[in-house]
Amino acid sequence: MAQNLTYTQYGDYYIPDIRLAHTGMPTLGKYGRMRRAFLEQNEPMIFNDMILSETLFPHLWEVQQTCEKRKELLMEELLEKNTAPDKATQQLEWVAHINSLKAQAEELVVSELIYC
């Protein structure tokens, strides 16, 4: 697909006026950044192809949203299977229990959606 490029002259050189299409997207969260690092380190060809075709940031944003939704669903499932102690009377046990469930959910999300 041919594009009409415009150029700006800087001294004796003409520099193409290139702009990324997805500059207005919100910043990536934890999972989007983790996926980006994984692709960059383990799949450099795919990573570079996605950059050149401008599909990387939409992909990362989709992974971010999917991970957040999946983590919420996993937390609900884990809380149904492993009921938490009473928050009013056993605060420390409740916090420890919830943190443990969050760690389990995050481990599943990362293995399913980030490192695949």
Protein backbone atom coordinates (compact mmCIF):
# COMPACT_ATOMS: atom_id res chain seq x y z
CA MET A 1 0.00 0.00 0.00
CA ALA A 2 1.60 3.25 -1.11
CA GLN A 3 1.42 6.27 1.14
CA ASN A 4 1.93 9.89 0.25
CA LEU A 5 4.67 11.08 2.54
CA THR A 6 5.54 14.67 3.20
CA TYR A 7 9.02 15.79 4.14
CA THR A 8 10.47 18.60 6.20
CA GLN A 9 13.84 20.07 5.30
CA TYR A 10 16.40 20.38 8.09
CA GLY A 11 19.55 21.94 6.65
CA ASP A 12 20.56 19.82 3.68
CA TYR A 13 18.40 16.84 4.69
CA TYR A 14 14.76 15.97 4.11
CA ILE A 15 13.16 14.10 7.00
CA PRO A 16 9.85 12.24 6.46
CA ASP A 17 6.92 13.45 8.54
CA ILE A 18 5.93 10.19 10.22
CA ARG A 19 3.38 10.03 13.03
CA LEU A 20 2.15 7.03 14.98
CA ALA A 21 -1.56 6.38 14.67
CA HIS A 22 -2.11 5.35 18.30
CA THR A 23 -0.58 8.25 20.20
CA GLY A 24 -3.82 9.16 22.01
CA MET A 25 -4.19 5.82 23.79
CA PRO A 26 -4.06 5.76 27.59
CA THR A 27 -0.89 4.58 29.27
CA LEU A 28 -0.42 0.86 29.72
CA GLY A 29 -0.90 -0.81 33.03
CA LYS A 30 1.12 -3.53 34.69
CA TYR A 31 -0.08 -6.38 32.47
CA GLY A 32 0.37 -4.49 29.21
CA ARG A 33 3.94 -3.62 30.18
CA MET A 34 4.62 -7.23 31.20
CA ARG A 35 3.32 -8.48 27.83
CA ARG A 36 5.45 -5.92 25.99
CA ALA A 37 8.58 -7.01 27.87
CA PHE A 38 7.79 -10.66 27.19
CA LEU A 39 7.35 -10.07 23.46
CA GLU A 40 10.45 -7.91 23.26
CA GLN A 41 12.65 -10.50 25.00
CA ASN A 42 11.17 -13.78 23.74
CA GLU A 43 9.52 -12.98 20.41
CA PRO A 44 11.59 -10.16 18.86
CA MET A 45 10.40 -10.84 15.30
CA ILE A 46 6.74 -10.66 16.28
CA PHE A 47 7.46 -7.63 18.47
CA ASN A 48 9.16 -5.74 15.62
CA ASP A 49 6.46 -6.74 13.15
CA MET A 50 3.77 -5.46 15.50
CA ILE A 51 5.62 -2.17 15.94
CA LEU A 52 5.97 -1.67 12.19
CA SER A 53 2.35 -2.57 11.50
CA GLU A 54 1.18 -0.40 14.44
CA THR A 55 -0.67 -3.27 16.07
CA LEU A 56 1.49 -3.49 19.20
CA PHE A 57 -0.25 -0.90 21.37
CA PRO A 58 -3.81 -2.05 20.54
CA HIS A 59 -2.67 -5.61 21.35
CA LEU A 60 -1.11 -4.52 24.65
CA TRP A 61 -4.18 -2.52 25.60
CA GLU A 62 -6.41 -5.52 24.86
CA VAL A 63 -4.16 -7.78 26.96
CA GLN A 64 -4.31 -5.25 29.81
CA GLN A 65 -8.11 -5.14 29.81
CA THR A 66 -8.46 -8.91 29.43
CA CYS A 67 -6.08 -9.55 32.33
CA GLU A 68 -7.95 -7.16 34.61
CA LYS A 69 -11.31 -8.77 33.83
CA ARG A 70 -9.91 -12.29 34.18
CA LYS A 71 -8.33 -11.44 37.53
CA GLU A 72 -11.66 -10.11 38.84
CA LEU A 73 -13.47 -13.29 37.76
CA LEU A 74 -10.80 -15.50 39.29
CA MET A 75 -11.01 -13.58 42.57
CA GLU A 76 -14.77 -14.13 42.68
CA GLU A 77 -14.34 -17.86 41.98
CA LEU A 78 -11.58 -18.23 44.56
CA LEU A 79 -13.61 -16.37 47.20
CA GLU A 80 -16.56 -18.70 46.58
CA LYS A 81 -14.37 -21.78 47.04
CA ASN A 82 -12.28 -20.38 49.92
CA THR A 83 -14.43 -18.20 52.13
CA ALA A 84 -12.62 -15.40 53.89
CA PRO A 85 -12.52 -15.01 57.68
CA ASP A 86 -14.75 -12.38 59.25
CA LYS A 87 -13.28 -9.00 58.39
CA ALA A 88 -14.68 -7.29 61.48
CA THR A 89 -13.17 -9.68 64.03
CA GLN A 90 -10.13 -11.12 62.24
CA GLN A 91 -8.67 -8.29 60.20
CA LEU A 92 -5.12 -9.66 59.84
CA GLU A 93 -6.34 -13.13 58.85
CA TRP A 94 -8.76 -11.57 56.35
CA VAL A 95 -6.00 -9.43 54.77
CA ALA A 96 -3.65 -12.42 54.58
CA HIS A 97 -6.39 -14.55 53.00
CA ILE A 98 -7.31 -11.91 50.39
CA ASN A 99 -3.65 -11.28 49.55
CA SER A 100 -3.13 -15.01 49.08
CA LEU A 101 -6.11 -15.22 46.71
CA LYS A 102 -4.89 -12.17 44.78
CA ALA A 103 -1.48 -13.78 44.36
CA GLN A 104 -3.09 -17.00 43.09
CA ALA A 105 -5.30 -15.11 40.64
CA GLU A 106 -2.40 -13.02 39.40
CA GLU A 107 -0.22 -16.08 38.88
CA LEU A 108 -2.95 -17.70 36.78
CA VAL A 109 -3.55 -14.54 34.74
CA VAL A 110 0.14 -14.07 34.03
CA SER A 111 0.66 -17.67 32.97
CA GLU A 112 -2.50 -17.75 30.82
CA LEU A 113 -2.38 -14.38 29.12
CA ILE A 114 1.07 -12.80 29.41
CA TYR A 115 3.57 -15.61 28.92
CA CYS A 116 1.82 -17.52 26.16
